[in-house]
Amino acid sequence: MPAPESVATLHRISSRWLLVAAGIVVIGFSLICGSVVLSMRRGDDRLAHQTLGNLASSIDADVARNIELYDLSLRNVAGHLTDPDVQAASKAMQRLILFDHAATARHFGAIQVMDATGRVTMDSEAPDPAPQNFADDEFFKVQKRDPLFGLYISKPRLHQGAYGIVLSRRVAARDGTFLGVVSGFIRYTYFHEMIARLQLEPDDLITVIRQDGVVIMRAPFNMDEIGLDISRRRGVQKALASFSGDFVGKSLSDGIERLYVWREGTHPLIVMVARSTASIFGQWRQEALRIGGAMGALGLIACGVMLVLAREMKKRAEIENKMARLAMTDSLTGLSNRRHFDAVLETEWRRALRNRTRLALLMIDADHFKAFNDAFGHQAGDLVLEGIAWSISRHAQRASDCAARYGGEEFALVLPGMSLTEAIELGERIRIEVGELERDGMTTTTVSIGVASLVPSSTTTTGHLIKAADGALYAAKARGRNQTFPAAPLRKWMAA
């Protein structure tokens, strides 16, 4: 049976490895679940980018198609106005030539022609247009000021009795002389109806901006944002700088964090679609919390089970330790029993043989113990044995010393590294102390001690050491008891 120290060490190692294994398992499962959760998040993020990108592309294509269609009509009018044949034709014929192929739709307003002073000279919807002058309007001044501007899209404004955006192009002679402006109008109802056809989340945002960062349209509609210059905002600067992309940021209007995506920013207008990160990752967060909660609960359960197992292992180790101690301890005296003595002697013998050091052994026997036992009874005899054991254990102070009950009233004391002289001195101290033990005012008993010490060699065994010490013990008894007697080799040396 293993020594108590071995049992305790085994428990410490096994319980430690049990907890380490539990920790590794919990961490491993946590890493796997964490990887799954992160993969789910990346999947939701990819899906959001794809969905918003498709939505932005769809809206952008619709807006660009209508603007391009209307712009074709404006360019057609601007081109024919400088044709000499058209200029020579009657006003009715001019209207027919200029506006016959003009784009018409429910949301498109009238195409108007203005001269160099801003006065409306022709209207696609009225043969005799009402007197109007747009010389002070931005869409007119831009075309007059910059010959190369091309298509101009105004800020949302009231025009022709409705709210919308004005599209204008410059009319110039062949030599570049400014002749006037041709303009068209797209009502804001176009944007409202287009947005109404979409299925959006409550916090979704759709923003249409000009290439200079002015807001043309916003859904949900917010009049405070319409016509606002947001070109200085960091996210908008990214959109103005690249044809397509995305970023995550907080809206200044409501403070909600959103993913912003735009596509095909080569058109005069840029369509930016945004969805709140709460909507994108809302379901993922719920799943992550469920998985995290389940993993946390399983981890706590696993740790609890491991702690219970570790505690049970500790209890078992303590029981085994106790059993091991009982198995190698004499129940009466508390000293090691014969079995443990044999094991320790064998261990110390091998160590001394390996290190070429001395090993001493004391064999101690109670004098006249049988007579004392017969005279005073077994209980008194047990007390005597306990007293002798107390004295022996008191002098076996080193960790390597081993005091044992060898059998009956005989005891043994293994003393590694001790010379014969030192062992005799120790034996004498034990003998004297035992002789001074009293019970009811009387000396209980004396002891005889045989001492042997030698350096183990390949030709000797533990049996030789025991035989030498036992022989010295019998010699001490033969010489009258109550004395410490050395083994024969020392006697010969002392005699010499």
Protein backbone atom coordinates (compact mmCIF):
# COMPACT_ATOMS: atom_id res chain seq x y z
CA MET A 1 0.00 0.00 0.00
CA PRO A 2 1.40 3.46 -0.88
CA ALA A 3 2.70 5.77 1.82
CA PRO A 4 0.42 8.62 2.96
CA GLU A 5 2.72 11.12 1.26
CA SER A 6 2.34 9.23 -2.02
CA VAL A 7 -1.43 9.16 -1.67
CA ALA A 8 -1.57 12.90 -0.96
CA THR A 9 0.74 13.66 -3.88
CA LEU A 10 -1.33 11.41 -6.13
CA HIS A 11 -4.48 13.28 -5.08
CA ARG A 12 -2.90 16.66 -5.70
CA ILE A 13 -1.74 15.59 -9.15
CA SER A 14 -4.99 13.88 -10.13
CA SER A 15 -7.27 16.67 -8.84
CA ARG A 16 -5.09 19.31 -10.46
CA TRP A 17 -5.15 17.52 -13.79
CA LEU A 18 -8.87 16.97 -13.42
CA LEU A 19 -9.44 20.70 -13.01
CA VAL A 20 -7.01 21.46 -15.85
CA ALA A 21 -8.84 18.99 -18.09
CA ALA A 22 -12.17 20.55 -17.12
CA GLY A 23 -10.79 24.00 -17.88
CA ILE A 24 -9.46 22.83 -21.25
CA VAL A 25 -12.81 21.27 -22.13
CA VAL A 26 -14.75 24.38 -21.11
CA ILE A 27 -12.33 26.67 -22.95
CA GLY A 28 -12.42 24.40 -26.01
CA PHE A 29 -16.20 24.40 -26.17
CA SER A 30 -16.22 28.15 -25.55
CA LEU A 31 -13.81 28.69 -28.43
CA ILE A 32 -15.90 26.50 -30.72
CA CYS A 33 -19.11 28.27 -29.76
CA GLY A 34 -17.36 31.63 -30.02
CA SER A 35 -16.19 30.71 -33.51
CA VAL A 36 -19.74 29.69 -34.48
CA VAL A 37 -21.17 32.90 -33.04
CA LEU A 38 -18.59 35.03 -34.87
CA SER A 39 -19.28 33.12 -38.07
CA MET A 40 -23.00 33.85 -37.65
CA ARG A 41 -22.18 37.53 -37.14
CA ARG A 42 -20.02 37.63 -40.25
CA GLY A 43 -22.84 35.95 -42.16
CA ASP A 44 -25.36 38.57 -41.00
CA ASP A 45 -22.88 41.30 -41.87
CA ARG A 46 -22.34 39.90 -45.39
CA LEU A 47 -26.08 39.52 -45.88
CA ALA A 48 -26.66 43.13 -44.76
CA HIS A 49 -23.97 44.41 -47.14
CA GLN A 50 -25.46 42.38 -49.98
CA THR A 51 -29.05 43.41 -49.24
CA LEU A 52 -28.28 47.09 -48.81
CA GLY A 53 -25.96 47.05 -51.82
CA ASN A 54 -28.68 45.55 -54.01
CA LEU A 55 -31.20 48.05 -52.65
CA ALA A 56 -28.85 50.98 -53.30
CA SER A 57 -28.12 49.71 -56.83
CA SER A 58 -31.81 49.26 -57.56
CA ILE A 59 -32.76 52.77 -56.37
CA ASP A 60 -29.73 54.28 -58.08
CA ALA A 61 -30.61 52.58 -61.37
CA ASP A 62 -34.21 53.81 -61.20
CA VAL A 63 -33.19 57.40 -60.38
CA ALA A 64 -30.39 57.44 -62.95
CA ARG A 65 -32.67 56.03 -65.67
CA ASN A 66 -35.34 58.68 -65.13
CA ILE A 67 -32.81 61.51 -64.93
CA GLU A 68 -31.02 60.27 -68.04
CA LEU A 69 -34.32 59.94 -69.89
CA TYR A 70 -35.32 63.46 -68.94
CA ASP A 71 -31.85 64.79 -69.72
CA LEU A 72 -32.08 63.33 -73.22
CA SER A 73 -35.19 65.44 -73.77
CA LEU A 74 -33.39 68.54 -72.46
CA ARG A 75 -30.41 67.96 -74.73
CA ASN A 76 -32.70 67.36 -77.68
CA VAL A 77 -34.45 70.70 -77.07
CA ALA A 78 -31.16 72.54 -76.51
CA GLY A 79 -29.70 71.07 -79.70
CA HIS A 80 -32.67 71.91 -81.95
CA LEU A 81 -33.02 75.47 -80.64
CA THR A 82 -29.86 76.50 -82.52
CA ASP A 83 -30.93 74.82 -85.76
CA PRO A 84 -31.59 77.56 -88.39
CA ASP A 85 -34.48 75.58 -89.86
CA VAL A 86 -36.18 75.37 -86.49
CA GLN A 87 -35.58 79.05 -85.82
CA ALA A 88 -37.16 79.88 -89.20
CA ALA A 89 -40.25 77.76 -88.51
CA SER A 90 -43.45 79.02 -86.97
CA LYS A 91 -43.92 78.88 -83.21
CA ALA A 92 -46.36 76.02 -83.48
CA MET A 93 -43.91 74.06 -85.63
CA GLN A 94 -41.08 74.85 -83.23
CA ARG A 95 -43.07 73.42 -80.31
CA LEU A 96 -43.84 70.33 -82.35
CA ILE A 97 -40.18 69.80 -83.24
CA LEU A 98 -38.83 70.58 -79.79
CA PHE A 99 -41.34 68.81 -77.55
CA ASP A 100 -42.78 66.04 -79.70
CA HIS A 101 -40.23 63.47 -78.44
CA ALA A 102 -39.86 64.92 -74.98
CA ALA A 103 -40.09 62.43 -72.12
CA THR A 104 -43.44 62.44 -70.46
CA ALA A 105 -44.38 60.80 -67.20
CA ARG A 106 -46.72 61.43 -64.34
CA HIS A 107 -43.93 62.87 -62.21
CA PHE A 108 -42.26 64.93 -64.96
CA GLY A 109 -43.13 68.60 -65.16
CA ALA A 110 -43.09 70.85 -68.18
CA ILE A 111 -39.93 71.55 -70.15
CA GLN A 112 -39.35 75.28 -70.39
CA VAL A 113 -37.07 77.35 -72.60
CA MET A 114 -35.62 80.61 -71.29
CA ASP A 115 -33.78 83.26 -73.23
CA ALA A 116 -30.51 84.88 -72.16
CA THR A 117 -32.38 87.19 -69.78
CA GLY A 118 -34.15 84.36 -67.96
CA ARG A 119 -37.57 85.00 -69.47
CA VAL A 120 -39.62 81.89 -70.33
CA THR A 121 -40.21 81.84 -74.06
CA MET A 122 -41.55 78.32 -74.57
CA ASP A 123 -43.36 75.73 -72.45
CA SER A 124 -44.02 72.10 -73.42
CA GLU A 125 -47.42 72.20 -71.72
CA ALA A 126 -48.62 75.69 -72.72
CA PRO A 127 -48.58 77.25 -76.21
CA ASP A 128 -48.61 80.68 -74.60
CA PRO A 129 -46.65 80.42 -71.32
CA ALA A 130 -47.38 82.79 -68.49
CA PRO A 131 -44.81 85.53 -67.97
CA GLN A 132 -41.99 84.06 -65.85
CA ASN A 133 -38.39 85.00 -65.30
CA PHE A 134 -35.77 82.77 -63.62
CA ALA A 135 -32.73 84.96 -64.08
CA ASP A 136 -32.16 85.01 -60.31
CA ASP A 137 -32.56 81.26 -59.82
CA GLU A 138 -29.48 79.15 -59.18
CA PHE A 139 -30.21 76.66 -61.98
CA PHE A 140 -30.16 79.59 -64.45
CA LYS A 141 -27.15 81.40 -63.04
CA VAL A 142 -25.01 78.23 -62.98
CA GLN A 143 -25.63 77.59 -66.68
CA LYS A 144 -25.00 81.22 -67.57
CA ARG A 145 -21.80 81.33 -65.53
CA ASP A 146 -20.19 78.01 -66.57
CA PRO A 147 -20.28 76.97 -70.24
CA LEU A 148 -19.01 73.47 -69.39
CA PHE A 149 -21.25 72.64 -66.44
CA GLY A 150 -23.57 70.28 -68.31
CA LEU A 151 -26.63 68.94 -66.51
CA TYR A 152 -27.47 70.83 -63.35
CA ILE A 153 -29.75 69.39 -60.68
CA SER A 154 -31.10 71.96 -58.26
CA LYS A 155 -31.85 71.66 -54.58
CA PRO A 156 -35.43 70.58 -53.82
CA ARG A 157 -37.67 73.63 -54.27
CA LEU A 158 -41.10 74.86 -55.22
CA HIS A 159 -41.37 75.07 -59.01
CA GLN A 160 -44.38 75.13 -61.31
CA GLY A 161 -46.62 74.93 -58.26
CA ALA A 162 -45.11 71.70 -56.90
CA TYR A 163 -42.16 70.58 -54.78
CA GLY A 164 -39.32 68.86 -56.61
CA ILE A 165 -35.98 69.28 -58.36
CA VAL A 166 -35.16 71.32 -61.46
CA LEU A 167 -32.88 69.93 -64.18
CA SER A 168 -31.30 72.44 -66.53
CA ARG A 169 -28.94 72.61 -69.51
CA ARG A 170 -27.26 75.53 -71.24
CA VAL A 171 -28.38 76.66 -74.68
CA ALA A 172 -25.45 78.08 -76.64
CA ALA A 173 -24.76 79.22 -80.17
CA ARG A 174 -22.20 77.47 -82.34
CA ASP A 175 -19.61 80.04 -81.24
CA GLY A 176 -20.43 79.40 -77.55
CA THR A 177 -22.50 82.49 -77.01
CA PHE A 178 -25.01 82.03 -74.18
CA LEU A 179 -28.52 81.97 -75.63
CA GLY A 180 -30.49 80.79 -72.63
CA VAL A 181 -31.43 77.71 -70.60
CA VAL A 182 -33.72 74.76 -71.08
CA SER A 183 -35.09 73.27 -67.86
CA GLY A 184 -37.23 70.37 -66.74
CA PHE A 185 -38.85 69.44 -63.46
CA ILE A 186 -39.21 66.15 -61.51
CA ARG A 187 -41.84 66.28 -58.80
CA TYR A 188 -40.98 65.02 -55.35
CA THR A 189 -43.88 62.57 -55.51
CA TYR A 190 -41.62 60.43 -57.70
CA PHE A 191 -39.28 59.78 -54.77
CA HIS A 192 -42.13 59.26 -52.31
CA GLU A 193 -43.83 56.65 -54.48
CA MET A 194 -40.56 54.90 -55.23
CA ILE A 195 -39.76 54.61 -51.50
CA ALA A 196 -43.31 53.50 -50.72
CA ARG A 197 -42.82 50.44 -52.95
CA LEU A 198 -39.87 49.25 -50.86
CA GLN A 199 -40.05 47.09 -47.77
CA LEU A 200 -37.82 48.81 -45.24
CA GLU A 201 -36.94 48.30 -41.59
CA PRO A 202 -38.19 50.97 -39.15
CA ASP A 203 -34.74 52.52 -38.73
CA ASP A 204 -33.66 52.29 -42.39
CA LEU A 205 -32.46 55.47 -44.09
CA ILE A 206 -32.31 56.28 -47.79
CA THR A 207 -30.48 59.45 -48.78
CA VAL A 208 -29.98 60.82 -52.28
CA ILE A 209 -27.25 63.46 -52.48
CA ARG A 210 -25.69 65.51 -55.24
CA GLN A 211 -22.04 65.17 -56.11
CA ASP A 212 -21.38 68.28 -54.00
CA GLY A 213 -22.96 66.72 -50.87
CA VAL A 214 -26.35 68.49 -50.93
CA VAL A 215 -29.25 66.29 -49.79
CA ILE A 216 -31.84 65.88 -52.56
CA MET A 217 -34.08 63.31 -50.92
CA ARG A 218 -34.29 61.53 -47.59
CA ALA A 219 -36.50 58.72 -46.36
CA PRO A 220 -38.01 58.88 -43.85
CA PHE A 221 -38.79 62.39 -45.01
CA ASN A 222 -37.21 65.10 -42.87
CA MET A 223 -37.59 68.64 -44.12
CA ASP A 224 -34.72 69.80 -41.95
CA GLU A 225 -32.35 67.54 -43.90
CA ILE A 226 -33.61 68.36 -47.43
CA GLY A 227 -31.26 70.73 -49.24
CA LEU A 228 -28.71 70.53 -46.43
CA ASP A 229 -25.02 70.45 -47.34
CA ILE A 230 -23.55 67.40 -45.57
CA SER A 231 -20.34 67.21 -47.58
CA ARG A 232 -18.21 67.79 -44.46
CA ARG A 233 -19.43 64.65 -42.74
CA ARG A 234 -16.80 61.95 -42.73
CA GLY A 235 -18.99 59.22 -44.16
CA VAL A 236 -20.31 61.47 -46.93
CA GLN A 237 -16.76 62.41 -47.85
CA LYS A 238 -16.05 58.73 -48.39
CA ALA A 239 -19.09 58.43 -50.64
CA LEU A 240 -18.06 61.48 -52.66
CA ALA A 241 -14.51 60.15 -53.00
CA SER A 242 -15.28 56.61 -54.24
CA PHE A 243 -17.78 55.11 -56.65
CA SER A 244 -19.04 52.53 -54.14
CA GLY A 245 -18.35 51.53 -50.57
CA ASP A 246 -19.68 51.36 -47.03
CA PHE A 247 -19.00 52.54 -43.51
CA VAL A 248 -20.51 52.29 -40.03
CA GLY A 249 -21.38 55.49 -38.20
CA LYS A 250 -23.92 57.27 -36.02
CA SER A 251 -26.52 59.55 -37.54
CA LEU A 252 -26.36 63.12 -36.31
CA SER A 253 -30.13 63.43 -36.41
CA ASP A 254 -31.09 60.51 -34.16
CA GLY A 255 -27.77 59.11 -32.85
CA ILE A 256 -28.49 55.60 -34.16
CA GLU A 257 -25.51 53.58 -35.37
CA ARG A 258 -26.05 52.35 -38.92
CA LEU A 259 -24.30 50.59 -41.77
CA TYR A 260 -24.21 52.94 -44.78
CA VAL A 261 -23.81 51.48 -48.30
CA TRP A 262 -23.68 53.22 -51.69
CA ARG A 263 -23.20 51.88 -55.21
CA GLU A 264 -22.45 53.26 -58.69
CA GLY A 265 -21.65 56.79 -57.55
CA THR A 266 -20.78 57.86 -61.11
CA HIS A 267 -24.21 59.43 -61.71
CA PRO A 268 -25.10 63.04 -60.87
CA LEU A 269 -26.86 61.73 -57.78
CA ILE A 270 -25.52 59.30 -55.21
CA VAL A 271 -27.92 56.91 -53.49
CA MET A 272 -26.90 55.93 -49.94
CA VAL A 273 -28.86 53.25 -48.05
CA ALA A 274 -28.42 52.72 -44.30
CA ARG A 275 -29.70 50.15 -41.82
CA SER A 276 -29.20 50.22 -38.06
CA THR A 277 -26.70 47.75 -36.66
CA ALA A 278 -29.36 46.86 -34.07
CA SER A 279 -31.58 45.58 -36.91
CA ILE A 280 -28.70 43.84 -38.68
CA PHE A 281 -27.36 42.09 -35.60
CA GLY A 282 -30.52 42.01 -33.47
CA GLN A 283 -31.30 38.36 -34.09
CA TRP A 284 -27.62 37.49 -33.92
CA ARG A 285 -27.35 39.15 -30.51
CA GLN A 286 -30.31 37.13 -29.24
CA GLU A 287 -28.75 33.91 -30.55
CA ALA A 288 -25.36 34.91 -29.15
CA LEU A 289 -26.92 35.60 -25.75
CA ARG A 290 -28.74 32.26 -25.82
CA ILE A 291 -25.62 30.38 -26.85
CA GLY A 292 -23.47 32.34 -24.40
CA GLY A 293 -25.98 31.73 -21.61
CA ALA A 294 -26.14 28.03 -22.42
CA MET A 295 -22.35 27.80 -22.55
CA GLY A 296 -22.06 29.74 -19.32
CA ALA A 297 -24.54 27.44 -17.63
CA LEU A 298 -22.80 24.34 -19.00
CA GLY A 299 -19.45 25.78 -17.95
CA LEU A 300 -20.73 26.41 -14.42
CA ILE A 301 -22.24 22.93 -14.28
CA ALA A 302 -18.99 21.42 -15.57
CA CYS A 303 -16.95 23.41 -13.06
CA GLY A 304 -19.36 22.44 -10.30
CA VAL A 305 -19.14 18.76 -11.26
CA MET A 306 -15.36 18.96 -11.43
CA LEU A 307 -15.21 20.65 -8.01
CA VAL A 308 -17.49 17.97 -6.56
CA LEU A 309 -15.34 15.26 -8.13
CA ALA A 310 -12.20 16.96 -6.85
CA ARG A 311 -13.69 17.17 -3.36
CA GLU A 312 -14.70 13.52 -3.51
CA MET A 313 -11.23 12.62 -4.71
CA LYS A 314 -9.79 14.60 -1.81
CA LYS A 315 -12.05 12.76 0.64
CA ARG A 316 -11.08 9.46 -0.93
CA ALA A 317 -7.41 10.42 -0.76
CA GLU A 318 -7.82 11.33 2.91
CA ILE A 319 -9.49 7.99 3.58
CA GLU A 320 -6.79 6.18 1.64
CA ASN A 321 -4.17 8.22 3.48
CA LYS A 322 -5.73 7.28 6.76
CA MET A 323 -5.96 3.64 5.74
CA ALA A 324 -2.37 3.74 4.56
CA ARG A 325 -1.30 5.17 7.90
CA LEU A 326 -3.29 2.55 9.75
CA ALA A 327 -1.80 -0.16 7.58
CA MET A 328 1.77 0.86 8.47
CA THR A 329 1.19 2.03 12.07
CA ASP A 330 1.04 0.00 15.22
CA SER A 331 -2.33 0.68 16.80
CA LEU A 332 -1.09 0.56 20.41
CA THR A 333 2.10 2.59 20.30
CA GLY A 334 1.53 4.78 17.22
CA LEU A 335 4.93 3.78 15.86
CA SER A 336 5.48 2.17 12.48
CA ASN A 337 4.61 -1.50 12.31
CA ARG A 338 6.89 -4.34 11.20
CA ARG A 339 5.74 -4.10 7.58
CA HIS A 340 6.57 -0.40 7.31
CA PHE A 341 9.85 -0.94 9.15
CA ASP A 342 10.93 -3.54 6.59
CA ALA A 343 10.05 -1.20 3.70
CA VAL A 344 11.90 1.79 5.22
CA LEU A 345 14.95 -0.28 6.11
CA GLU A 346 15.13 -1.61 2.54
CA THR A 347 14.82 1.91 1.11
CA GLU A 348 17.47 3.39 3.41
CA TRP A 349 19.77 0.42 2.77
CA ARG A 350 19.67 1.06 -1.00
CA ARG A 351 20.27 4.76 -0.44
CA ALA A 352 23.24 4.14 1.85
CA LEU A 353 24.63 1.59 -0.58
CA ARG A 354 24.33 4.10 -3.43
CA ASN A 355 25.85 6.97 -1.43
CA ARG A 356 28.38 4.85 0.49
CA THR A 357 27.12 6.17 3.84
CA ARG A 358 26.50 4.48 7.17
CA LEU A 359 23.23 3.00 8.34
CA ALA A 360 22.64 2.38 12.05
CA LEU A 361 19.99 0.22 13.72
CA LEU A 362 18.86 0.04 17.36
CA MET A 363 17.02 -3.06 18.59
CA ILE A 364 15.25 -2.22 21.88
CA ASP A 365 13.56 -4.74 24.18
CA ALA A 366 11.66 -4.24 27.46
CA ASP A 367 13.33 -6.10 30.36
CA HIS A 368 11.28 -8.64 32.35
CA PHE A 369 8.18 -7.55 30.49
CA LYS A 370 6.40 -10.92 30.75
CA ALA A 371 6.80 -10.92 34.51
CA PHE A 372 5.59 -7.31 34.71
CA ASN A 373 2.63 -8.15 32.54
CA ASP A 374 1.73 -11.16 34.68
CA ALA A 375 2.08 -9.13 37.86
CA PHE A 376 0.20 -5.99 36.87
CA GLY A 377 -2.00 -7.07 33.98
CA HIS A 378 -2.15 -6.44 30.28
CA GLN A 379 -3.41 -2.87 30.60
CA ALA A 380 -0.41 -1.91 32.71
CA GLY A 381 1.82 -3.69 30.22
CA ASP A 382 0.27 -1.68 27.39
CA LEU A 383 1.02 1.52 29.30
CA VAL A 384 4.63 0.45 29.64
CA LEU A 385 4.89 -0.21 25.92
CA GLU A 386 3.32 3.18 25.17
CA GLY A 387 5.88 4.86 27.46
CA ILE A 388 8.79 3.13 25.73
CA ALA A 389 7.36 4.08 22.32
CA TRP A 390 6.96 7.71 23.46
CA SER A 391 10.61 7.89 24.48
CA ILE A 392 11.85 6.28 21.26
CA SER A 393 9.76 8.54 19.01
CA ARG A 394 10.96 11.57 20.99
CA HIS A 395 14.55 10.80 20.02
CA ALA A 396 13.78 9.94 16.38
CA GLN A 397 13.63 13.60 15.34
CA ARG A 398 15.02 13.44 11.81
CA ALA A 399 12.71 12.93 8.85
CA SER A 400 14.74 9.89 7.75
CA ASP A 401 14.60 8.19 11.19
CA CYS A 402 12.06 5.40 11.53
CA ALA A 403 10.88 4.11 14.92
CA ALA A 404 8.87 0.88 14.81
CA ARG A 405 7.35 -1.77 17.01
CA TYR A 406 9.25 -4.81 15.84
CA GLY A 407 7.11 -7.33 17.67
CA GLY A 408 5.64 -7.83 21.15
CA GLU A 409 7.79 -5.81 23.57
CA GLU A 410 10.61 -5.35 21.04
CA PHE A 411 11.22 -2.06 19.16
CA ALA A 412 13.53 -0.96 16.37
CA LEU A 413 14.98 2.40 15.36
CA VAL A 414 16.52 2.97 11.91
CA LEU A 415 19.10 5.80 11.90
CA PRO A 416 20.46 6.62 8.40
CA GLY A 417 23.91 8.26 8.24
CA MET A 418 24.68 7.69 11.95
CA SER A 419 27.91 6.17 13.19
CA LEU A 420 28.06 3.43 15.81
CA THR A 421 29.26 5.83 18.51
CA GLU A 422 26.46 8.31 17.79
CA ALA A 423 23.92 5.48 17.76
CA ILE A 424 25.18 4.19 21.14
CA GLU A 425 24.86 7.67 22.62
CA LEU A 426 21.30 7.95 21.34
CA GLY A 427 20.48 4.49 22.67
CA GLU A 428 21.81 5.46 26.08
CA ARG A 429 19.60 8.55 26.19
CA ILE A 430 16.57 6.39 25.39
CA ARG A 431 17.55 3.75 28.01
CA ILE A 432 18.03 6.33 30.72
CA GLU A 433 14.79 8.10 29.92
CA VAL A 434 12.80 4.84 29.91
CA GLY A 435 14.36 3.89 33.25
CA GLU A 436 13.09 7.12 34.75
CA LEU A 437 9.50 6.56 33.66
CA GLU A 438 7.30 5.86 36.72
CA ARG A 439 3.78 4.60 37.40
CA ASP A 440 2.19 5.02 40.81
CA GLY A 441 5.55 6.11 42.18
CA MET A 442 7.40 3.01 40.90
CA THR A 443 9.76 2.50 38.00
CA THR A 444 7.83 0.55 35.41
CA THR A 445 10.59 -1.23 33.52
CA THR A 446 14.00 -0.91 31.89
CA VAL A 447 15.17 -1.66 28.36
CA SER A 448 18.11 -3.42 26.79
CA ILE A 449 19.44 -2.03 23.54
CA GLY A 450 21.55 -3.59 20.83
CA VAL A 451 23.31 -1.22 18.41
CA ALA A 452 24.78 -1.91 14.96
CA SER A 453 26.13 0.43 12.28
CA LEU A 454 27.76 -0.38 8.98
CA VAL A 455 28.31 0.84 5.44
CA PRO A 456 26.26 -1.39 3.08
CA SER A 457 28.18 -3.25 0.39
CA SER A 458 27.40 -5.70 -2.34
CA THR A 459 28.23 -8.56 0.01
CA THR A 460 25.91 -7.49 2.83
CA THR A 461 22.13 -7.25 3.20
CA THR A 462 19.64 -5.78 5.60
CA GLY A 463 19.57 -9.17 7.25
CA HIS A 464 23.18 -8.77 8.32
CA LEU A 465 22.38 -5.41 9.94
CA ILE A 466 19.35 -6.82 11.79
CA LYS A 467 21.32 -9.90 12.87
CA ALA A 468 24.15 -7.72 14.18
CA ALA A 469 21.82 -5.45 16.14
CA ASP A 470 19.78 -8.41 17.40
CA GLY A 471 22.94 -10.18 18.51
CA ALA A 472 24.04 -7.07 20.39
CA LEU A 473 20.59 -6.97 22.07
CA TYR A 474 20.88 -10.57 23.30
CA ALA A 475 24.39 -9.83 24.51
CA ALA A 476 23.05 -6.86 26.51
CA LYS A 477 20.42 -9.08 28.09
CA ALA A 478 23.04 -11.75 28.83
CA ARG A 479 25.20 -9.15 30.53
CA GLY A 480 22.43 -8.28 32.99
CA ARG A 481 19.95 -6.16 31.01
CA ASN A 482 19.29 -2.39 31.30
CA GLN A 483 22.24 -1.45 29.13
CA THR A 484 23.20 -0.47 25.61
CA PHE A 485 25.54 -2.85 23.87
CA PRO A 486 27.28 -2.46 20.49
CA ALA A 487 27.49 -5.11 17.80
CA ALA A 488 30.60 -7.37 17.72
CA PRO A 489 32.80 -5.43 15.23
CA LEU A 490 32.82 -2.39 17.51
CA ARG A 491 33.62 -4.52 20.56
CA LYS A 492 36.62 -5.94 18.78
CA TRP A 493 37.75 -2.44 17.79
CA MET A 494 37.30 -1.10 21.33
CA ALA A 495 39.17 -4.06 22.76
CA ALA A 496 42.03 -3.40 20.43
